[in-house]
């Protein structure tokens, strides 16, 4: 599975849960920039 595929799965799940990137970042104890990068397939999940 590629980083882009993982990012897409995370983004889809986040949207189904009805939460924004900031909320996900808070729940995961990471910076919002990390969530953004992962969803774009640029970060290393």
N, C-alpha and C. Protein backbone atom coordinates (compact mmCIF):
# COMPACT_ATOMS: atom_id res chain seq x y z
N UNK A 1 0.85 -1.18 0.00
CA UNK A 1 0.00 0.00 0.00
C UNK A 1 0.90 1.24 0.00
N UNK A 2 0.58 2.18 -0.86
CA UNK A 2 1.40 3.39 -0.96
C UNK A 2 0.97 4.42 0.07
N UNK A 3 1.83 5.41 0.27
CA UNK A 3 1.51 6.50 1.19
C UNK A 3 0.27 7.25 0.73
N UNK A 4 0.10 7.41 -0.58
CA UNK A 4 -1.07 8.10 -1.12
C UNK A 4 -2.34 7.33 -0.80
N UNK A 5 -2.30 6.02 -0.94
CA UNK A 5 -3.47 5.19 -0.63
C UNK A 5 -3.83 5.28 0.85
N UNK A 6 -2.83 5.24 1.70
CA UNK A 6 -3.06 5.36 3.14
C UNK A 6 -3.67 6.71 3.46
N UNK A 7 -3.13 7.75 2.85
CA UNK A 7 -3.66 9.10 3.05
C UNK A 7 -5.11 9.22 2.63
N UNK A 8 -5.45 8.61 1.51
CA UNK A 8 -6.83 8.65 1.04
C UNK A 8 -7.77 7.91 1.99
N UNK A 9 -7.33 6.79 2.51
CA UNK A 9 -8.14 6.03 3.47
C UNK A 9 -8.38 6.85 4.73
N UNK A 10 -7.33 7.49 5.22
CA UNK A 10 -7.46 8.31 6.43
C UNK A 10 -8.42 9.47 6.18
N UNK A 11 -8.28 10.13 5.04
CA UNK A 11 -9.15 11.26 4.71
C UNK A 11 -10.61 10.82 4.60
N UNK A 12 -10.86 9.70 3.93
CA UNK A 12 -12.23 9.20 3.78
C UNK A 12 -12.83 8.87 5.15
N UNK A 13 -12.06 8.21 5.99
CA UNK A 13 -12.55 7.83 7.32
C UNK A 13 -12.84 9.07 8.17
N UNK A 14 -11.93 10.04 8.10
CA UNK A 14 -12.10 11.28 8.85
C UNK A 14 -13.39 11.98 8.44
N UNK A 15 -13.63 12.04 7.14
CA UNK A 15 -14.84 12.69 6.65
C UNK A 15 -16.10 11.92 7.06
N UNK A 16 -16.06 10.59 7.02
CA UNK A 16 -17.19 9.78 7.46
C UNK A 16 -17.49 10.02 8.94
N UNK A 17 -16.45 10.25 9.72
CA UNK A 17 -16.63 10.53 11.15
C UNK A 17 -17.11 11.95 11.39
N UNK A 18 -17.00 12.80 10.37
CA UNK A 18 -17.46 14.18 10.48
C UNK A 18 -16.54 15.06 11.31
N UNK A 19 -15.25 14.75 11.27
CA UNK A 19 -14.30 15.58 12.01
C UNK A 19 -13.35 16.27 11.04
N UNK A 20 -12.81 17.40 11.48
CA UNK A 20 -11.88 18.13 10.63
C UNK A 20 -10.44 17.69 10.93
N UNK A 21 -9.53 18.21 10.16
CA UNK A 21 -8.12 17.82 10.31
C UNK A 21 -7.57 18.22 11.67
N UNK A 22 -7.98 19.35 12.19
CA UNK A 22 -7.50 19.79 13.50
C UNK A 22 -7.94 18.83 14.59
N UNK A 23 -9.18 18.40 14.53
CA UNK A 23 -9.69 17.47 15.53
C UNK A 23 -8.94 16.15 15.46
N UNK A 24 -8.71 15.65 14.25
CA UNK A 24 -7.95 14.41 14.09
C UNK A 24 -6.54 14.57 14.64
N UNK A 25 -5.92 15.70 14.36
CA UNK A 25 -4.57 15.96 14.86
C UNK A 25 -4.57 15.96 16.39
N UNK A 26 -5.56 16.59 16.99
CA UNK A 26 -5.65 16.62 18.45
C UNK A 26 -5.82 15.21 19.01
N UNK A 27 -6.68 14.42 18.40
CA UNK A 27 -6.91 13.05 18.86
C UNK A 27 -5.66 12.17 18.72
N UNK A 28 -4.88 12.43 17.67
CA UNK A 28 -3.68 11.64 17.41
C UNK A 28 -2.43 12.22 18.08
N UNK A 29 -2.59 13.37 18.74
CA UNK A 29 -1.46 14.05 19.40
C UNK A 29 -0.34 14.37 18.42
N UNK A 30 -0.73 14.89 17.26
CA UNK A 30 0.24 15.35 16.26
C UNK A 30 -0.18 16.73 15.79
N UNK A 31 0.70 17.40 15.08
CA UNK A 31 0.39 18.72 14.53
C UNK A 31 -0.55 18.57 13.34
N UNK A 32 -1.38 19.57 13.12
CA UNK A 32 -2.31 19.53 12.00
C UNK A 32 -1.54 19.42 10.67
N UNK A 33 -0.36 20.01 10.61
CA UNK A 33 0.46 19.90 9.39
C UNK A 33 0.82 18.46 9.09
N UNK A 34 0.97 17.65 10.11
CA UNK A 34 1.27 16.23 9.92
C UNK A 34 0.09 15.52 9.28
N UNK A 35 -1.11 15.81 9.76
CA UNK A 35 -2.32 15.21 9.19
C UNK A 35 -2.47 15.62 7.73
N UNK A 36 -2.27 16.89 7.46
CA UNK A 36 -2.38 17.40 6.09
C UNK A 36 -1.38 16.67 5.18
N UNK A 37 -0.15 16.54 5.61
CA UNK A 37 0.88 15.89 4.80
C UNK A 37 0.53 14.42 4.56
N UNK A 38 0.07 13.74 5.59
CA UNK A 38 -0.28 12.32 5.43
C UNK A 38 -1.44 12.16 4.46
N UNK A 39 -2.45 13.00 4.58
CA UNK A 39 -3.59 12.91 3.68
C UNK A 39 -3.20 13.20 2.23
N UNK A 40 -2.20 13.99 2.03
CA UNK A 40 -1.71 14.30 0.69
C UNK A 40 -0.77 13.22 0.16
N UNK A 41 -0.40 12.29 1.00
CA UNK A 41 0.54 11.25 0.59
C UNK A 41 1.98 11.69 0.68
N UNK A 42 2.21 12.79 1.38
CA UNK A 42 3.56 13.35 1.50
C UNK A 42 4.22 12.97 2.81
N UNK A 43 3.43 12.68 3.81
CA UNK A 43 3.97 12.34 5.12
C UNK A 43 4.18 10.85 5.26
N UNK A 44 4.86 10.48 6.32
CA UNK A 44 5.13 9.08 6.58
C UNK A 44 4.25 8.63 7.75
N UNK A 45 3.14 7.95 7.43
CA UNK A 45 2.23 7.54 8.51
C UNK A 45 2.87 6.50 9.40
